[in-house]
N, C-alpha and C. Protein backbone atom coordinates (compact mmCIF):
# COMPACT_ATOMS: atom_id res chain seq x y z
N MET A 1 0.81 -1.23 -0.03
CA MET A 1 -0.01 0.07 0.06
C MET A 1 0.82 1.25 -0.06
N LYS A 2 0.30 2.22 -0.61
CA LYS A 2 0.94 3.60 -0.62
C LYS A 2 -0.10 4.71 -0.47
N GLN A 3 0.39 5.81 0.12
CA GLN A 3 -0.47 6.90 0.35
C GLN A 3 -0.71 7.72 -1.07
N LEU A 4 -1.99 8.03 -1.20
CA LEU A 4 -2.19 8.85 -2.41
C LEU A 4 -1.51 10.32 -2.29
N PRO A 5 -1.17 10.80 -3.47
CA PRO A 5 -0.76 12.14 -3.56
C PRO A 5 -1.80 13.17 -3.06
N SER A 6 -1.52 14.22 -2.51
CA SER A 6 -2.53 15.09 -2.03
C SER A 6 -3.43 15.72 -3.03
N ASP A 7 -2.91 15.94 -4.29
CA ASP A 7 -3.78 16.32 -5.44
C ASP A 7 -4.76 15.37 -5.90
N THR A 8 -4.41 14.04 -5.73
CA THR A 8 -5.34 12.97 -6.05
C THR A 8 -6.44 12.98 -5.01
N VAL A 9 -6.04 13.06 -3.78
CA VAL A 9 -7.00 13.00 -2.61
C VAL A 9 -8.02 14.08 -2.72
N ARG A 10 -7.60 15.32 -3.16
CA ARG A 10 -8.43 16.53 -3.36
C ARG A 10 -9.31 16.38 -4.33
N LEU A 11 -8.93 15.75 -5.60
CA LEU A 11 -9.86 15.46 -6.67
C LEU A 11 -10.83 14.42 -6.34
N LEU A 12 -10.56 13.40 -5.65
CA LEU A 12 -11.55 12.36 -5.20
C LEU A 12 -12.45 12.95 -4.20
N SER A 13 -11.96 13.74 -3.25
CA SER A 13 -12.97 14.20 -2.37
C SER A 13 -13.91 15.21 -2.97
N SER A 14 -13.49 16.00 -3.85
CA SER A 14 -14.22 17.06 -4.52
C SER A 14 -15.33 16.27 -5.44
N SER A 15 -14.87 15.10 -6.02
CA SER A 15 -15.94 14.48 -6.85
C SER A 15 -17.01 13.94 -6.08
N GLN A 16 -16.88 13.80 -4.67
CA GLN A 16 -18.06 13.45 -3.88
C GLN A 16 -18.94 14.62 -3.65
N VAL A 17 -18.48 15.80 -3.59
CA VAL A 17 -19.25 17.08 -3.32
C VAL A 17 -19.90 17.55 -4.65
N ILE A 18 -19.03 17.53 -5.73
CA ILE A 18 -19.58 18.09 -7.13
C ILE A 18 -19.68 16.83 -8.05
N THR A 19 -20.97 16.41 -8.29
CA THR A 19 -21.17 15.26 -8.98
C THR A 19 -21.62 15.44 -10.43
N SER A 20 -21.96 16.64 -10.77
CA SER A 20 -22.55 16.88 -12.18
C SER A 20 -22.54 18.34 -12.46
N VAL A 21 -22.87 18.73 -13.62
CA VAL A 21 -23.04 20.07 -14.07
C VAL A 21 -24.14 20.73 -13.34
N LEU A 22 -25.24 19.94 -13.14
CA LEU A 22 -26.44 20.47 -12.45
C LEU A 22 -26.13 20.71 -10.87
N ASN A 23 -25.30 19.89 -10.32
CA ASN A 23 -24.83 20.22 -9.04
C ASN A 23 -23.98 21.44 -8.89
N VAL A 24 -23.11 21.62 -9.96
CA VAL A 24 -22.34 22.91 -9.85
C VAL A 24 -23.32 24.15 -9.95
N VAL A 25 -24.24 23.98 -10.90
CA VAL A 25 -25.26 25.20 -10.96
C VAL A 25 -25.97 25.41 -9.65
N LYS A 26 -26.49 24.27 -9.14
CA LYS A 26 -27.26 24.53 -7.82
C LYS A 26 -26.35 25.12 -6.74
N GLU A 27 -25.08 24.57 -6.61
CA GLU A 27 -24.23 25.17 -5.54
C GLU A 27 -23.95 26.73 -5.87
N LEU A 28 -23.64 27.14 -7.14
CA LEU A 28 -23.41 28.49 -7.41
C LEU A 28 -24.72 29.39 -7.09
N MET A 29 -25.90 28.78 -7.67
CA MET A 29 -27.04 29.59 -7.30
C MET A 29 -27.44 29.72 -5.95
N GLU A 30 -27.15 28.75 -5.13
CA GLU A 30 -27.36 28.67 -3.65
C GLU A 30 -26.33 29.76 -3.07
N ASN A 31 -25.22 29.89 -3.55
CA ASN A 31 -24.16 30.96 -3.16
C ASN A 31 -24.74 32.28 -3.43
N SER A 32 -25.29 32.48 -4.64
CA SER A 32 -25.89 33.72 -4.91
C SER A 32 -27.16 34.16 -4.03
N LEU A 33 -27.99 33.12 -3.69
CA LEU A 33 -29.02 33.43 -2.88
C LEU A 33 -28.63 33.73 -1.35
N ASP A 34 -27.51 33.07 -0.91
CA ASP A 34 -26.91 33.35 0.37
C ASP A 34 -26.41 34.75 0.26
N ALA A 35 -26.00 35.33 -0.86
CA ALA A 35 -25.42 36.73 -0.96
C ALA A 35 -26.67 37.54 -1.10
N GLY A 36 -27.85 37.22 -0.95
CA GLY A 36 -28.95 38.10 -1.07
C GLY A 36 -29.41 38.52 -2.33
N ALA A 37 -29.08 37.77 -3.45
CA ALA A 37 -29.37 38.05 -4.78
C ALA A 37 -30.87 37.89 -5.04
N SER A 38 -31.45 38.86 -5.68
CA SER A 38 -32.97 38.72 -6.25
C SER A 38 -32.94 38.37 -7.56
N SER A 39 -31.90 38.55 -8.32
CA SER A 39 -31.74 38.19 -9.62
C SER A 39 -30.50 37.33 -9.99
N ILE A 40 -30.73 36.23 -10.60
CA ILE A 40 -29.64 35.33 -10.92
C ILE A 40 -29.68 34.91 -12.49
N ASP A 41 -28.49 34.97 -13.07
CA ASP A 41 -28.55 34.62 -14.65
C ASP A 41 -27.44 33.57 -14.70
N VAL A 42 -27.91 32.43 -15.37
CA VAL A 42 -27.02 31.31 -15.58
C VAL A 42 -27.00 31.13 -17.04
N LYS A 43 -25.71 31.07 -17.50
CA LYS A 43 -25.37 30.75 -18.86
C LYS A 43 -24.51 29.50 -18.97
N LEU A 44 -24.99 28.58 -19.76
CA LEU A 44 -24.13 27.25 -20.03
C LEU A 44 -23.57 27.31 -21.50
N ASP A 45 -22.32 26.96 -21.67
CA ASP A 45 -21.91 26.59 -22.95
C ASP A 45 -21.58 25.12 -23.12
N ASN A 46 -22.08 24.51 -24.17
CA ASN A 46 -22.11 22.95 -24.37
C ASN A 46 -22.67 22.30 -23.15
N TYR A 47 -23.80 22.84 -22.78
CA TYR A 47 -24.53 22.24 -21.69
C TYR A 47 -23.73 22.20 -20.35
N GLY A 48 -22.93 23.21 -20.20
CA GLY A 48 -22.06 23.42 -18.97
C GLY A 48 -20.76 22.61 -18.89
N LEU A 49 -20.58 21.87 -20.01
CA LEU A 49 -19.24 21.15 -20.03
C LEU A 49 -18.11 22.16 -20.38
N ASP A 50 -18.37 23.10 -21.25
CA ASP A 50 -17.26 24.06 -21.49
C ASP A 50 -17.18 25.23 -20.73
N ARG A 51 -18.36 25.73 -20.21
CA ARG A 51 -18.49 26.92 -19.33
C ARG A 51 -19.78 27.07 -18.75
N ILE A 52 -19.64 27.52 -17.58
CA ILE A 52 -20.91 27.88 -16.66
C ILE A 52 -20.64 29.21 -16.06
N GLU A 53 -21.50 30.21 -16.38
CA GLU A 53 -21.47 31.41 -15.97
C GLU A 53 -22.60 31.81 -15.03
N VAL A 54 -22.35 32.37 -13.89
CA VAL A 54 -23.57 32.74 -13.00
C VAL A 54 -23.26 34.17 -12.65
N ARG A 55 -24.19 35.08 -12.97
CA ARG A 55 -24.12 36.49 -12.49
C ARG A 55 -25.34 36.85 -11.61
N ASP A 56 -25.16 37.57 -10.56
CA ASP A 56 -26.27 37.91 -9.67
C ASP A 56 -26.18 39.26 -9.15
N ASN A 57 -27.00 39.77 -8.44
CA ASN A 57 -27.06 41.11 -7.87
C ASN A 57 -26.91 41.06 -6.33
N GLY A 58 -26.16 39.95 -5.90
CA GLY A 58 -25.85 39.87 -4.36
C GLY A 58 -25.03 40.74 -4.01
N HIS A 59 -24.78 40.85 -2.56
CA HIS A 59 -23.97 41.89 -1.95
C HIS A 59 -22.44 41.53 -2.19
N GLY A 60 -22.02 40.46 -2.89
CA GLY A 60 -20.64 40.34 -3.24
C GLY A 60 -19.81 39.80 -2.04
N ILE A 61 -18.43 39.84 -2.26
CA ILE A 61 -17.52 39.21 -1.17
C ILE A 61 -16.63 40.34 -0.70
N LYS A 62 -16.34 40.38 0.44
CA LYS A 62 -15.25 41.31 1.06
C LYS A 62 -14.02 41.04 0.40
N ALA A 63 -13.33 42.15 -0.02
CA ALA A 63 -12.03 42.11 -0.83
C ALA A 63 -11.06 41.23 0.07
N VAL A 64 -11.04 41.49 1.41
CA VAL A 64 -10.25 40.79 2.10
C VAL A 64 -10.31 39.13 2.01
N ASP A 65 -11.51 38.77 1.74
CA ASP A 65 -11.81 37.31 1.68
C ASP A 65 -11.39 36.77 0.40
N THR A 66 -11.18 37.49 -0.65
CA THR A 66 -10.85 36.81 -1.89
C THR A 66 -9.86 35.82 -2.03
N PRO A 67 -8.81 35.95 -1.35
CA PRO A 67 -7.55 35.05 -1.47
C PRO A 67 -8.09 33.58 -0.84
N VAL A 68 -9.11 33.53 -0.06
CA VAL A 68 -9.47 32.21 0.40
C VAL A 68 -10.88 31.82 0.04
N MET A 69 -11.47 32.55 -0.82
CA MET A 69 -12.97 32.33 -1.06
C MET A 69 -13.16 30.94 -1.71
N ALA A 70 -12.16 30.46 -2.40
CA ALA A 70 -12.38 28.95 -3.02
C ALA A 70 -11.45 27.89 -2.39
N VAL A 71 -11.00 28.26 -1.10
CA VAL A 71 -10.16 27.29 -0.46
C VAL A 71 -11.13 26.53 0.34
N ARG A 72 -11.00 25.05 0.33
CA ARG A 72 -11.88 24.33 1.06
C ARG A 72 -11.92 24.45 2.57
N HIS A 73 -13.08 24.45 3.09
CA HIS A 73 -13.32 24.63 4.59
C HIS A 73 -13.03 26.11 4.93
N PHE A 74 -13.04 27.10 4.16
CA PHE A 74 -13.18 28.53 4.48
C PHE A 74 -14.54 28.92 4.29
N THR A 75 -15.14 29.57 5.34
CA THR A 75 -16.60 30.02 5.12
C THR A 75 -16.80 31.33 5.82
N SER A 76 -17.73 32.16 5.29
CA SER A 76 -18.07 33.28 5.99
C SER A 76 -19.36 33.07 6.84
N LYS A 77 -19.81 31.81 6.74
CA LYS A 77 -21.13 31.61 7.37
C LYS A 77 -21.15 31.18 8.85
N ILE A 78 -20.13 30.46 9.23
CA ILE A 78 -19.98 30.04 10.64
C ILE A 78 -18.61 30.16 11.10
N CYS A 79 -18.47 30.23 12.51
CA CYS A 79 -17.28 30.38 13.16
C CYS A 79 -16.87 29.07 13.90
N SER A 80 -18.00 28.36 14.48
CA SER A 80 -17.88 27.25 15.20
C SER A 80 -19.07 26.31 15.09
N HIS A 81 -19.06 25.29 15.67
CA HIS A 81 -20.26 24.28 15.40
C HIS A 81 -21.56 24.76 16.12
N GLU A 82 -21.39 25.68 17.17
CA GLU A 82 -22.47 26.28 17.90
C GLU A 82 -23.30 27.19 16.95
N ASP A 83 -22.62 27.71 15.77
CA ASP A 83 -23.37 28.52 14.80
C ASP A 83 -24.40 27.72 14.00
N LEU A 84 -24.28 26.48 13.99
CA LEU A 84 -25.23 25.62 13.14
C LEU A 84 -26.61 25.65 13.74
N GLU A 85 -26.72 25.93 15.03
CA GLU A 85 -28.12 26.04 15.68
C GLU A 85 -28.91 27.29 15.00
N HIS A 86 -28.13 28.28 14.43
CA HIS A 86 -28.81 29.49 13.93
C HIS A 86 -28.69 29.75 12.50
N LEU A 87 -28.23 28.57 11.84
CA LEU A 87 -27.98 28.83 10.50
C LEU A 87 -29.20 29.20 9.51
N GLU A 88 -29.02 30.16 8.72
CA GLU A 88 -30.09 30.59 7.76
C GLU A 88 -29.62 30.55 6.33
N THR A 89 -28.62 29.77 5.97
CA THR A 89 -27.98 29.87 4.66
C THR A 89 -28.03 28.47 4.09
N TYR A 90 -27.81 28.36 2.71
CA TYR A 90 -27.83 27.07 2.10
C TYR A 90 -26.46 26.61 2.33
N GLY A 91 -25.47 27.33 2.09
CA GLY A 91 -24.11 26.80 2.36
C GLY A 91 -23.37 27.25 3.65
N PHE A 92 -22.57 26.50 4.17
CA PHE A 92 -21.79 26.90 5.40
C PHE A 92 -20.57 26.01 5.62
N ARG A 93 -20.30 24.98 4.95
CA ARG A 93 -19.21 24.01 5.13
C ARG A 93 -17.88 24.67 4.58
N GLY A 94 -18.03 25.45 3.54
CA GLY A 94 -16.81 25.93 2.85
C GLY A 94 -16.17 24.80 1.79
N GLU A 95 -17.22 23.96 1.23
CA GLU A 95 -16.76 22.93 0.35
C GLU A 95 -17.18 23.24 -1.02
N ALA A 96 -18.12 23.86 -1.38
CA ALA A 96 -18.66 24.12 -2.78
C ALA A 96 -17.57 24.59 -3.80
N LEU A 97 -17.29 25.83 -3.44
CA LEU A 97 -16.26 26.59 -4.35
C LEU A 97 -15.04 25.85 -4.50
N GLY A 98 -14.33 25.34 -3.44
CA GLY A 98 -13.27 24.68 -3.39
C GLY A 98 -13.29 23.49 -4.22
N SER A 99 -14.37 22.76 -4.11
CA SER A 99 -14.58 21.47 -4.84
C SER A 99 -14.69 21.70 -6.28
N ILE A 100 -15.52 22.80 -6.56
CA ILE A 100 -15.70 23.11 -8.02
C ILE A 100 -14.29 23.43 -8.78
N CYS A 101 -13.43 24.20 -7.94
CA CYS A 101 -12.17 24.60 -8.39
C CYS A 101 -11.31 23.45 -8.58
N ALA A 102 -11.46 22.36 -7.79
CA ALA A 102 -10.57 21.27 -7.72
C ALA A 102 -10.84 20.42 -9.06
N VAL A 103 -12.01 20.48 -9.60
CA VAL A 103 -12.36 19.66 -10.77
C VAL A 103 -12.58 20.55 -12.03
N ALA A 104 -12.36 21.75 -11.94
CA ALA A 104 -12.77 22.62 -13.06
C ALA A 104 -11.61 23.89 -13.07
N GLU A 105 -11.61 24.48 -14.20
CA GLU A 105 -10.87 25.70 -14.26
C GLU A 105 -11.82 26.91 -13.94
N MET A 106 -11.48 27.80 -12.97
CA MET A 106 -12.33 28.86 -12.58
C MET A 106 -11.70 30.16 -13.03
N THR A 107 -12.56 30.96 -13.50
CA THR A 107 -12.29 32.48 -13.79
C THR A 107 -13.25 33.29 -12.92
N GLN A 108 -12.97 34.17 -12.41
CA GLN A 108 -13.87 35.02 -11.64
C GLN A 108 -13.93 36.50 -11.84
N LEU A 109 -14.98 36.93 -11.90
CA LEU A 109 -15.08 38.47 -11.71
C LEU A 109 -15.95 38.74 -10.63
N ILE A 110 -15.35 39.49 -9.64
CA ILE A 110 -15.97 39.69 -8.36
C ILE A 110 -16.53 41.06 -8.12
N HIS A 111 -17.65 41.08 -7.53
CA HIS A 111 -18.13 42.39 -7.01
C HIS A 111 -17.82 42.48 -5.49
N PHE A 112 -17.09 43.35 -4.97
CA PHE A 112 -16.64 43.53 -3.79
C PHE A 112 -17.84 44.29 -2.95
N SER A 113 -17.97 43.78 -1.71
CA SER A 113 -19.03 44.34 -0.83
C SER A 113 -18.40 45.48 0.07
């Protein structure tokens, strides 16, 4: 037996979170809703296999958070497990964006709050 390389482990774990194009779109739309968006526009190229674009009018991300916004297990939703009792968002684990980035190439245009 031998230990898997960390990039292989990351890819395997991400494929458990992100299982399809539909799942990617769902996660990105929930991220938009968590940001207070009242309008979300989704565009797919080649059924989402070549490109998925999501635009919304949500409040954006703090500029200071951009370096870690797609790092797994970084989240703005909770600080500890006690926060789970008062959770009012779809996302909170800090897995979606990191997992999407692990299995896809990501380009981002960000609106800062």
